[in-house]
Amino acid sequence: MTVQQISVFIENRRGRLAEATRALGMAGINIRALSLAETSDFGILRLIVDNPDQAKQVFAEQGFTVDKTDVVAVQVPDRPMGLARILQILDEARIAVEYLYAFIERRGDNAIIIFRFDNSHQAIAALQERGVMVLASEAVYGM
């Protein structure tokens, strides 16, 4: 029940982010969610796209350093304490969250958050045992 995320290393120079997104657009790949973290020399662009294999190929052909990573998409109640409840479940199961970012699509009264865990399989099991909806990759790519 993991989702494949594309991670792209981008030099901190004007226009490089535009090049990356243009390359995806020209290939007909749709971005579903993204996060950009930067340091003084480079950034890490993390993307959920509708076709991760093709996106990885496009980035490699354009000379970007690219990798695929498994992440987990979780429906989180869009109300006060919604995320806190999810994080409490993970804390009780002794699962570390490496990073997270919000997904732009809403499903009913829920937001979708992308998580990277130290142990995805254990995290998925703990969340599902407590009734939390973990989304299948096909559902996320098709949004």
Protein backbone atom coordinates (compact mmCIF):
# COMPACT_ATOMS: atom_id res chain seq x y z
CA MET A 1 0.00 0.00 0.00
CA THR A 2 2.81 2.38 -0.67
CA VAL A 3 2.96 5.12 -3.28
CA GLN A 4 6.03 5.85 -5.37
CA GLN A 5 7.47 9.32 -4.91
CA ILE A 6 9.96 10.86 -7.30
CA SER A 7 12.84 12.76 -5.67
CA VAL A 8 14.82 15.12 -7.87
CA PHE A 9 17.99 16.95 -6.87
CA ILE A 10 17.94 20.44 -8.34
CA GLU A 11 20.75 22.99 -8.32
CA ASN A 12 19.83 26.29 -6.69
CA ARG A 13 19.91 28.41 -9.81
CA ARG A 14 17.28 30.48 -11.51
CA GLY A 15 15.06 28.56 -13.90
CA ARG A 16 16.03 25.03 -12.88
CA LEU A 17 12.69 24.31 -11.15
CA ALA A 18 10.87 25.62 -14.23
CA GLU A 19 12.94 23.23 -16.39
CA ALA A 20 11.98 20.29 -14.21
CA THR A 21 8.25 20.99 -14.25
CA ARG A 22 8.31 21.82 -17.97
CA ALA A 23 9.96 18.46 -18.71
CA LEU A 24 7.10 16.67 -16.93
CA GLY A 25 4.46 18.78 -18.63
CA MET A 26 5.92 18.18 -22.09
CA ALA A 27 5.78 14.44 -21.38
CA GLY A 28 2.11 14.69 -20.36
CA ILE A 29 2.81 13.82 -16.73
CA ASN A 30 0.53 15.40 -14.14
CA ILE A 31 1.83 16.46 -10.72
CA ARG A 32 -0.47 15.40 -7.88
CA ALA A 33 1.55 16.69 -4.91
CA LEU A 34 4.96 18.18 -4.31
CA SER A 35 7.34 19.42 -1.71
CA LEU A 36 10.53 21.41 -2.18
CA ALA A 37 13.25 21.55 0.48
CA GLU A 38 16.40 23.51 -0.15
CA THR A 39 19.88 24.11 1.12
CA SER A 40 22.31 26.76 -0.07
CA ASP A 41 23.54 24.67 -3.03
CA PHE A 42 20.64 22.47 -4.11
CA GLY A 43 17.03 21.56 -3.50
CA ILE A 44 15.18 18.28 -3.22
CA LEU A 45 11.95 18.26 -5.17
CA ARG A 46 9.64 15.48 -4.00
CA LEU A 47 6.75 14.68 -6.32
CA ILE A 48 3.75 12.43 -6.50
CA VAL A 49 2.82 12.12 -10.18
CA ASP A 50 0.34 10.09 -12.19
CA ASN A 51 3.13 8.04 -13.84
CA PRO A 52 6.21 7.70 -11.61
CA ASP A 53 8.15 5.34 -13.91
CA GLN A 54 7.84 7.68 -16.87
CA ALA A 55 8.65 10.70 -14.71
CA LYS A 56 11.86 9.08 -13.49
CA GLN A 57 12.84 8.36 -17.09
CA VAL A 58 12.06 11.92 -18.22
CA PHE A 59 14.15 13.43 -15.43
CA ALA A 60 17.07 11.08 -16.11
CA GLU A 61 16.97 11.95 -19.83
CA GLN A 62 17.03 15.66 -18.92
CA GLY A 63 20.18 15.18 -16.81
CA PHE A 64 18.58 15.43 -13.37
CA THR A 65 19.65 13.20 -10.50
CA VAL A 66 16.46 11.32 -9.71
CA ASP A 67 15.30 8.50 -7.45
CA LYS A 68 12.05 6.71 -6.56
CA THR A 69 11.04 6.27 -2.93
CA ASP A 70 8.11 4.51 -1.31
CA VAL A 71 5.86 6.78 0.75
CA VAL A 72 2.42 6.33 2.29
CA ALA A 73 -0.73 8.35 1.49
CA VAL A 74 -3.08 8.65 4.46
CA GLN A 75 -6.55 10.16 4.72
CA VAL A 76 -6.51 12.54 7.66
CA PRO A 77 -9.67 14.09 9.08
CA ASP A 78 -9.72 17.77 8.08
CA ARG A 79 -10.56 19.14 11.51
CA PRO A 80 -8.71 20.14 14.66
CA MET A 81 -6.77 17.18 16.10
CA GLY A 82 -7.04 15.18 12.84
CA LEU A 83 -3.29 15.06 12.24
CA ALA A 84 -2.56 14.88 15.97
CA ARG A 85 -4.57 11.63 16.22
CA ILE A 86 -2.61 10.07 13.34
CA LEU A 87 0.69 11.11 14.87
CA GLN A 88 -0.39 9.75 18.27
CA ILE A 89 -1.09 6.34 16.71
CA LEU A 90 2.35 6.36 15.12
CA ASP A 91 4.02 7.47 18.35
CA GLU A 92 2.31 4.69 20.32
CA ALA A 93 3.55 2.19 17.71
CA ARG A 94 7.06 3.69 18.05
CA ILE A 95 7.22 4.65 14.37
CA ALA A 96 9.30 7.63 13.34
CA VAL A 97 8.05 10.09 10.73
CA GLU A 98 10.97 11.13 8.54
CA TYR A 99 8.93 13.81 6.74
CA LEU A 100 5.42 14.60 5.54
CA TYR A 101 3.61 16.99 3.25
CA ALA A 102 0.00 17.68 2.39
CA PHE A 103 -1.62 16.41 -0.77
CA ILE A 104 -3.58 19.00 -2.73
CA GLU A 105 -6.65 16.82 -3.32
CA ARG A 106 -9.42 16.53 -0.75
CA ARG A 107 -11.59 13.45 -0.30
CA GLY A 108 -14.84 14.29 1.43
CA ASP A 109 -14.08 15.67 4.88
CA ASN A 110 -10.50 14.41 4.76
CA ALA A 111 -7.20 15.81 3.63
CA ILE A 112 -4.52 13.55 2.23
CA ILE A 113 -1.02 13.61 3.69
CA ILE A 114 2.06 11.93 2.25
CA PHE A 115 4.30 10.35 4.90
CA ARG A 116 7.79 8.92 4.78
CA PHE A 117 8.34 6.54 7.71
CA ASP A 118 11.33 4.67 9.06
CA ASN A 119 9.23 1.49 8.65
CA SER A 120 6.38 1.86 6.15
CA HIS A 121 4.96 -1.65 6.57
CA GLN A 122 4.76 -1.32 10.35
CA ALA A 123 3.23 2.16 10.01
CA ILE A 124 0.57 0.95 7.57
CA ALA A 125 -0.35 -1.93 9.87
CA ALA A 126 -0.59 0.33 12.93
CA LEU A 127 -2.74 2.87 11.11
CA GLN A 128 -5.08 0.31 9.59
CA GLU A 129 -5.51 -1.45 12.95
CA ARG A 130 -6.86 1.85 14.29
CA GLY A 131 -9.24 2.39 11.35
CA VAL A 132 -7.16 4.94 9.44
CA MET A 133 -7.57 4.85 5.65
CA VAL A 134 -4.29 4.25 3.84
CA LEU A 135 -4.70 4.87 0.12
CA ALA A 136 -3.57 2.49 -2.61
CA SER A 137 -1.18 3.87 -5.22
CA GLU A 138 -3.76 3.58 -8.01
CA ALA A 139 -6.17 5.78 -6.07
CA VAL A 140 -3.52 8.45 -5.53
CA TYR A 141 -2.16 8.47 -9.09
CA GLY A 142 -5.69 8.72 -10.47
CA MET A 143 -6.78 11.76 -8.46
